[in-house]
Amino acid sequence: MSRIYNFSAGPACLPEAVLQQAQQEMTDWQGSGMSVMEMSHRGKEFMSIAAQAEADLRELMAIPDNYKVLFLQGGASAQFSNVPVNLLRGKKSADYIYTGQWSKKAIAEAKRFCDVNVAASAEASNFSVLPAQSEWQLNSDAAYVHYTPNETIGGLEFHWTPESGDVPLVADLSSTILSRPIDVSKFGVIYAGAQKNIGPAGLTVVIVRDDLIGEAVPGMPVLCDYKIMADNDSMYNTPPTYGWYLAGLVFAWLKKNGGLSAMAELNERKAGKLYGAIDGSDFYANPIDLNCRSWMNVPFTLANDELDATFLSEAKAVGLVTLKGHRSVGGMRASIYNAMPEAGVDALISFMADFEKRNG
């Protein structure tokens, strides 16, 4: 069976070279006589895997020494709670930027722990344009400012880093982590579910500045406390070992392929091609403002939505799958993370042109 092009928003495609290495090491990791899935997380074999993965991620993202890197469970959604639990530090409110479904969920969860000030919202534009920072109503006494750099469902993305002054900036970077270089020092906390650009579902990476740990809200579950997890090297309990291992393979693959600068060049080119095909057609459309379009998640609609099912069926027949848009917005969505080869984008564009010619 040949590999298909999987445009899923997550769990998403992984680099084929990574899958092949994992396959080769499945039953015997580097002569250990066992699979990584069978290893004790306290054993020297897995400890070496974990240490190398963290070292490679630190190198890729140029993470400063005064930041902890945590490999946790619970998905990014668990961090909707863990961020206020760890960052309120006696304060009563936090600022949130509302730009789509995932920031909406983060806001709803934070309201369980503090007063939430929605400092800016894209709702008036139906989440098609980001509010300019000059319009934000930030509170200088907020515990932190939270935003979602890329809304996976709607395809709305920040191509700039907000300024939050002395208030820690928190980012749910699930959809865009490792897709380009960023300045980690501008953030208090970065968190990301793995299943888009890092590895399989079940692992979450949290990058947190040292001064923001150690004052968790009293009475919270021990696994919510960043300091406890950091003090135990993310191994207070058994971590998602196989996901951590696969993430490490992805980090090594990224280094081998030129790092985040090379990924940025590739991702910008892939997105530019696809948006160009959409914009150059009267048959397809994208609702997002030109300056706020996601590199990672490209939603588009057909001029006649009665053709949606036919489009999806015919795309699947030629090996282009998981293109159906999220149920909340409809249409189509092509997620083109790091592991999606440029050839996959080219194949989609070719199919779209042919489908338009036959149905437009």
Protein backbone atom coordinates (compact mmCIF):
# COMPACT_ATOMS: atom_id res chain seq x y z
CA MET A 1 0.00 0.00 0.00
CA SER A 2 1.31 3.44 -0.88
CA ARG A 3 1.22 6.35 1.56
CA ILE A 4 -1.62 8.86 1.20
CA TYR A 5 -1.48 12.60 1.80
CA ASN A 6 -3.19 13.15 5.16
CA PHE A 7 -4.37 16.73 5.69
CA SER A 8 -5.77 16.06 9.17
CA ALA A 9 -5.61 18.90 11.70
CA GLY A 10 -4.53 16.44 14.39
CA PRO A 11 -3.59 13.78 14.99
CA ALA A 12 -1.68 14.73 11.89
CA CYS A 13 0.84 13.15 9.57
CA LEU A 14 4.32 12.41 10.86
CA PRO A 15 7.54 12.49 8.83
CA GLU A 16 7.83 9.23 6.94
CA ALA A 17 11.50 8.94 7.91
CA VAL A 18 10.49 9.10 11.58
CA LEU A 19 7.88 6.38 11.14
CA GLN A 20 10.40 4.18 9.38
CA GLN A 21 12.96 4.61 12.16
CA ALA A 22 10.33 3.84 14.78
CA GLN A 23 9.37 0.75 12.80
CA GLN A 24 12.97 -0.43 12.70
CA GLU A 25 13.35 0.11 16.44
CA MET A 26 9.92 -1.19 17.41
CA THR A 27 10.98 -4.50 18.94
CA ASP A 28 14.61 -3.72 19.75
CA TRP A 29 15.74 -0.18 20.53
CA GLN A 30 19.47 0.13 19.78
CA GLY A 31 20.35 -3.36 20.96
CA SER A 32 18.46 -3.16 24.23
CA GLY A 33 16.38 -6.18 23.29
CA MET A 34 13.10 -4.39 24.02
CA SER A 35 10.76 -1.80 22.61
CA VAL A 36 10.71 1.74 23.96
CA MET A 37 7.10 0.96 24.91
CA GLU A 38 8.37 -1.67 27.33
CA MET A 39 11.11 0.36 28.99
CA SER A 40 11.00 1.63 32.53
CA HIS A 41 10.92 5.41 32.48
CA ARG A 42 13.53 5.22 35.24
CA GLY A 43 15.89 2.98 33.28
CA LYS A 44 19.08 4.32 31.72
CA GLU A 45 17.81 3.58 28.19
CA PHE A 46 14.72 5.74 28.44
CA MET A 47 16.48 8.39 30.51
CA SER A 48 18.92 8.83 27.63
CA ILE A 49 16.03 9.13 25.15
CA ALA A 50 14.32 11.75 27.32
CA ALA A 51 17.48 13.78 27.85
CA GLN A 52 18.35 13.81 24.15
CA ALA A 53 14.84 14.87 23.19
CA GLU A 54 14.91 17.80 25.59
CA ALA A 55 18.40 18.83 24.47
CA ASP A 56 17.35 18.78 20.81
CA LEU A 57 14.19 20.78 21.48
CA ARG A 58 16.18 23.35 23.44
CA GLU A 59 18.62 23.64 20.56
CA LEU A 60 15.91 23.91 17.90
CA MET A 61 13.98 26.62 19.72
CA ALA A 62 17.01 28.30 21.34
CA ILE A 63 15.29 27.93 24.73
CA PRO A 64 17.11 30.00 27.37
CA ASP A 65 18.56 28.28 30.42
CA ASN A 66 16.06 29.98 32.75
CA TYR A 67 13.17 27.99 31.27
CA LYS A 68 12.00 24.53 32.23
CA VAL A 69 10.86 22.11 29.51
CA LEU A 70 8.14 19.72 30.66
CA PHE A 71 6.80 16.67 28.84
CA LEU A 72 3.32 16.14 30.23
CA GLN A 73 0.01 14.39 29.68
CA GLY A 74 -3.53 15.77 29.37
CA GLY A 75 -3.22 17.54 26.03
CA ALA A 76 -3.12 21.29 25.57
CA SER A 77 -6.62 21.41 27.05
CA ALA A 78 -5.22 20.45 30.46
CA GLN A 79 -3.07 23.56 30.27
CA PHE A 80 -6.22 25.69 30.02
CA SER A 81 -6.47 24.89 33.75
CA ASN A 82 -2.81 24.54 34.60
CA VAL A 83 -1.89 28.00 33.36
CA PRO A 84 -4.11 29.87 35.85
CA VAL A 85 -3.34 27.32 38.58
CA ASN A 86 0.37 28.13 38.28
CA LEU A 87 0.44 31.74 37.10
CA LEU A 88 -2.21 33.52 39.18
CA ARG A 89 0.24 33.68 42.12
CA GLY A 90 -2.20 35.54 44.36
CA LYS A 91 -3.72 37.73 41.65
CA LYS A 92 -7.40 37.64 40.79
CA SER A 93 -7.57 38.26 37.05
CA ALA A 94 -5.96 37.42 33.72
CA ASP A 95 -6.21 38.87 30.22
CA TYR A 96 -7.31 36.70 27.29
CA ILE A 97 -7.47 37.38 23.55
CA TYR A 98 -10.51 35.78 21.90
CA THR A 99 -9.78 34.71 18.34
CA GLY A 100 -11.64 31.43 17.80
CA GLN A 101 -12.71 28.09 19.20
CA TRP A 102 -9.54 27.20 21.10
CA SER A 103 -9.12 30.55 22.79
CA LYS A 104 -12.83 30.34 23.66
CA LYS A 105 -12.22 27.05 25.45
CA ALA A 106 -9.20 28.46 27.26
CA ILE A 107 -11.29 31.42 28.43
CA ALA A 108 -14.10 29.19 29.68
CA GLU A 109 -11.69 27.07 31.72
CA ALA A 110 -9.83 30.06 33.17
CA LYS A 111 -13.12 31.47 34.46
CA ARG A 112 -13.21 28.56 36.89
CA PHE A 113 -10.14 30.00 38.64
CA CYS A 114 -10.12 33.76 38.11
CA ASP A 115 -11.78 36.81 36.63
CA VAL A 116 -11.15 36.82 32.89
CA ASN A 117 -10.77 40.09 31.04
CA VAL A 118 -11.32 39.54 27.32
CA ALA A 119 -8.89 42.24 26.31
CA ALA A 120 -9.55 41.89 22.56
CA SER A 121 -11.83 39.86 20.34
CA ALA A 122 -12.08 38.90 16.67
CA GLU A 123 -15.75 38.00 17.03
CA ALA A 124 -17.04 41.13 15.25
CA SER A 125 -15.28 40.03 12.03
CA ASN A 126 -16.56 36.46 12.42
CA PHE A 127 -12.98 35.58 13.34
CA SER A 128 -11.54 36.60 9.99
CA VAL A 129 -9.34 39.52 11.15
CA LEU A 130 -7.15 39.82 14.21
CA PRO A 131 -7.71 42.85 16.44
CA ALA A 132 -4.79 45.27 16.22
CA GLN A 133 -2.75 45.46 19.40
CA SER A 134 -3.58 49.16 19.64
CA GLU A 135 -7.19 48.11 20.30
CA TRP A 136 -6.39 45.73 23.16
CA GLN A 137 -7.62 46.67 26.62
CA LEU A 138 -4.91 45.06 28.73
CA ASN A 139 -4.83 45.23 32.51
CA SER A 140 -1.39 46.07 33.87
CA ASP A 141 -2.23 44.17 37.06
CA ALA A 142 -3.25 40.96 35.25
CA ALA A 143 -1.50 37.76 36.25
CA TYR A 144 -0.75 37.01 32.59
CA VAL A 145 -1.90 37.60 29.01
CA HIS A 146 -3.04 34.50 27.12
CA TYR A 147 -3.43 34.18 23.37
CA THR A 148 -3.71 31.49 20.72
CA PRO A 149 -1.18 32.27 17.96
CA ASN A 150 -2.98 30.01 15.48
CA GLU A 151 -6.63 28.99 15.58
CA THR A 152 -6.58 25.51 14.05
CA ILE A 153 -10.28 25.44 13.22
CA GLY A 154 -10.69 28.87 11.65
CA GLY A 155 -7.23 29.32 10.16
CA LEU A 156 -6.59 32.70 11.81
CA GLU A 157 -2.95 33.29 12.76
CA PHE A 158 -0.79 35.90 14.43
CA HIS A 159 2.30 36.67 12.37
CA TRP A 160 3.59 38.87 15.17
CA THR A 161 4.24 38.47 18.87
CA PRO A 162 2.08 40.64 21.15
CA GLU A 163 3.64 43.04 23.60
CA SER A 164 2.55 42.47 27.20
CA GLY A 165 5.02 44.63 29.09
CA ASP A 166 5.90 43.19 32.50
CA VAL A 167 2.90 40.84 32.43
CA PRO A 168 3.87 37.28 31.41
CA LEU A 169 2.76 36.32 27.91
CA VAL A 170 1.25 32.84 27.53
CA ALA A 171 0.79 31.11 24.18
CA ASP A 172 -1.08 27.99 23.13
CA LEU A 173 1.35 27.14 20.36
CA SER A 174 -0.12 23.73 19.55
CA SER A 175 -0.62 24.37 15.84
CA THR A 176 2.52 26.32 15.02
CA ILE A 177 5.27 25.15 17.36
CA LEU A 178 8.44 24.21 15.43
CA SER A 179 7.05 25.61 12.17
CA ARG A 180 9.39 28.64 12.30
CA PRO A 181 11.83 30.30 14.73
CA ILE A 182 10.38 32.28 17.64
CA ASP A 183 11.96 34.27 20.47
CA VAL A 184 11.12 32.15 23.51
CA SER A 185 12.37 34.88 25.85
CA LYS A 186 9.29 36.97 25.01
CA PHE A 187 7.03 34.40 26.65
CA GLY A 188 6.31 33.35 30.19
CA VAL A 189 4.74 30.06 29.15
CA ILE A 190 4.46 28.22 25.86
CA TYR A 191 2.42 25.04 25.68
CA ALA A 192 1.57 22.73 22.82
CA GLY A 193 -0.22 19.47 22.25
CA ALA A 194 2.06 17.15 20.31
CA GLN A 195 -0.33 15.80 17.70
CA LYS A 196 0.22 18.47 15.06
CA ASN A 197 3.92 19.31 14.70
CA ILE A 198 5.63 17.26 17.42
CA GLY A 199 4.45 13.68 17.51
CA PRO A 200 1.49 11.49 18.44
CA ALA A 201 -1.44 12.49 20.61
CA GLY A 202 -0.97 11.99 24.33
CA LEU A 203 2.08 14.19 24.88
CA THR A 204 2.10 17.90 25.72
CA VAL A 205 5.15 20.14 25.85
CA VAL A 206 5.23 23.04 28.31
CA ILE A 207 8.04 25.61 28.29
CA VAL A 208 7.84 27.77 31.41
CA ARG A 209 10.09 30.50 32.79
CA ASP A 210 11.65 29.64 36.14
CA ASP A 211 10.23 32.59 38.06
CA LEU A 212 6.67 31.53 37.22
CA ILE A 213 6.75 28.21 39.04
CA GLY A 214 6.47 27.42 42.72
CA GLU A 215 3.29 29.30 43.67
CA ALA A 216 0.49 27.06 42.43
CA VAL A 217 -3.03 27.68 43.72
CA PRO A 218 -3.33 25.73 47.00
CA GLY A 219 -5.37 22.57 46.98
CA MET A 220 -4.92 21.79 43.30
CA PRO A 221 -4.00 18.25 42.16
CA VAL A 222 -0.29 17.58 42.41
CA LEU A 223 -0.02 16.82 38.68
CA CYS A 224 -1.14 20.38 37.89
CA ASP A 225 1.85 21.92 39.66
CA TYR A 226 4.63 22.90 37.24
CA LYS A 227 7.22 23.00 40.02
CA ILE A 228 6.54 19.44 41.11
CA MET A 229 6.72 18.24 37.51
CA ALA A 230 9.91 20.25 36.90
CA ASP A 231 11.56 19.04 40.11
CA ASN A 232 10.88 15.47 39.00
CA ASP A 233 12.04 15.93 35.38
CA SER A 234 8.46 15.37 34.18
CA MET A 235 8.51 11.96 35.85
CA TYR A 236 6.53 12.45 39.05
CA ASN A 237 4.32 9.76 37.53
CA THR A 238 4.93 7.59 34.46
CA PRO A 239 5.14 9.96 31.50
CA PRO A 240 3.89 9.18 27.96
CA THR A 241 7.15 7.43 27.15
CA TYR A 242 6.51 6.36 23.57
CA GLY A 243 5.16 9.77 22.61
CA TRP A 244 8.25 11.36 24.17
CA TYR A 245 10.46 9.00 22.17
CA LEU A 246 8.67 9.79 18.90
CA ALA A 247 8.88 13.51 19.63
CA GLY A 248 12.62 13.06 20.03
CA LEU A 249 12.80 11.41 16.61
CA VAL A 250 10.90 14.37 15.14
CA PHE A 251 13.28 16.83 16.79
CA ALA A 252 16.25 14.96 15.32
CA TRP A 253 14.54 14.94 11.91
CA LEU A 254 14.05 18.71 12.10
CA LYS A 255 17.71 19.25 12.93
CA LYS A 256 18.78 17.01 10.05
CA ASN A 257 16.56 18.97 7.67
CA GLY A 258 17.89 22.42 8.46
CA GLY A 259 16.09 23.35 11.66
CA LEU A 260 13.30 25.88 12.09
CA SER A 261 14.59 28.40 9.56
CA ALA A 262 14.38 25.77 6.84
CA MET A 263 10.91 24.75 8.07
CA ALA A 264 9.77 28.38 7.94
CA GLU A 265 10.90 28.71 4.33
CA LEU A 266 9.17 25.48 3.35
CA ASN A 267 5.97 26.21 5.25
CA GLU A 268 5.63 29.72 3.88
CA ARG A 269 6.10 28.37 0.36
CA LYS A 270 3.55 25.57 0.83
CA ALA A 271 0.95 27.96 2.22
CA GLY A 272 1.65 30.54 -0.47
CA LYS A 273 1.05 27.98 -3.20
CA LEU A 274 -2.25 26.81 -1.74
CA TYR A 275 -3.59 30.29 -1.03
CA GLY A 276 -2.51 31.31 -4.51
CA ALA A 277 -4.58 28.51 -6.02
CA ILE A 278 -7.59 29.50 -3.92
CA ASP A 279 -7.31 33.23 -4.65
CA GLY A 280 -6.75 32.64 -8.35
CA SER A 281 -10.07 30.83 -8.64
CA ASP A 282 -13.71 31.89 -8.65
CA PHE A 283 -14.62 28.37 -7.53
CA TYR A 284 -12.76 28.36 -4.18
CA ALA A 285 -12.61 30.98 -1.45
CA ASN A 286 -10.84 31.59 1.87
CA PRO A 287 -12.54 33.88 4.43
CA ILE A 288 -9.46 35.06 6.34
CA ASP A 289 -7.85 38.49 5.95
CA LEU A 290 -4.67 38.32 3.89
CA ASN A 291 -2.51 39.45 6.82
CA CYS A 292 -3.89 36.86 9.25
CA ARG A 293 -3.88 33.65 7.24
CA SER A 294 -2.51 30.53 8.85
CA TRP A 295 0.47 28.74 7.35
CA MET A 296 -0.62 25.54 9.04
CA ASN A 297 -4.41 25.30 8.59
CA VAL A 298 -5.97 26.48 5.34
CA PRO A 299 -9.79 26.52 5.31
CA PHE A 300 -11.60 27.00 2.01
CA THR A 301 -15.09 26.75 0.62
CA LEU A 302 -16.52 25.73 -2.74
CA ALA A 303 -18.76 28.11 -4.64
CA ASN A 304 -21.46 25.43 -4.57
CA ASP A 305 -21.49 23.64 -1.22
CA GLU A 306 -23.68 20.91 -2.72
CA LEU A 307 -20.44 19.66 -4.29
CA ASP A 308 -18.66 19.28 -0.94
CA ALA A 309 -19.35 15.57 -0.58
CA THR A 310 -18.29 14.89 -4.16
CA PHE A 311 -15.08 16.87 -3.67
CA LEU A 312 -14.19 14.88 -0.56
CA SER A 313 -15.03 11.54 -2.15
CA GLU A 314 -13.01 12.19 -5.29
CA ALA A 315 -10.09 13.61 -3.29
CA LYS A 316 -10.00 10.47 -1.15
CA ALA A 317 -10.01 8.31 -4.28
CA VAL A 318 -6.73 9.91 -5.38
CA GLY A 319 -5.10 9.72 -1.94
CA LEU A 320 -5.95 13.15 -0.51
CA VAL A 321 -7.72 12.59 2.79
CA THR A 322 -9.11 14.36 5.88
CA LEU A 323 -9.98 17.55 4.01
CA LYS A 324 -13.41 18.06 5.55
CA GLY A 325 -13.63 21.31 7.49
CA HIS A 326 -14.44 21.35 11.19
CA ARG A 327 -18.11 20.76 11.92
CA SER A 328 -18.43 24.27 13.40
CA VAL A 329 -17.42 26.04 10.18
CA GLY A 330 -17.99 23.57 7.35
CA GLY A 331 -16.28 23.64 3.98
CA MET A 332 -12.79 22.23 3.62
CA ARG A 333 -9.58 22.52 5.59
CA ALA A 334 -6.11 21.47 4.58
CA SER A 335 -3.66 21.23 7.47
CA ILE A 336 -0.13 21.41 6.12
CA TYR A 337 2.17 21.02 9.10
CA ASN A 338 5.93 20.41 8.90
CA ALA A 339 5.52 16.75 7.96
CA MET A 340 3.25 17.46 4.98
CA PRO A 341 5.62 17.33 2.00
CA GLU A 342 5.43 20.01 -0.64
CA ALA A 343 4.47 17.28 -3.09
CA GLY A 344 1.28 16.76 -1.08
CA VAL A 345 0.32 20.42 -1.44
CA ASP A 346 1.11 20.25 -5.16
CA ALA A 347 -1.10 17.17 -5.50
CA LEU A 348 -3.98 18.93 -3.74
CA ILE A 349 -3.66 22.01 -5.92
CA SER A 350 -3.65 19.85 -9.04
CA PHE A 351 -6.77 18.01 -7.90
CA MET A 352 -8.53 21.27 -7.04
CA ALA A 353 -7.83 22.66 -10.51
CA ASP A 354 -9.12 19.51 -12.18
CA PHE A 355 -12.23 19.41 -9.98
CA GLU A 356 -12.99 23.05 -10.80
CA LYS A 357 -12.55 22.40 -14.52
CA ARG A 358 -15.07 19.56 -14.38
CA ASN A 359 -17.57 21.20 -12.03
CA GLY A 360 -17.12 24.95 -12.25
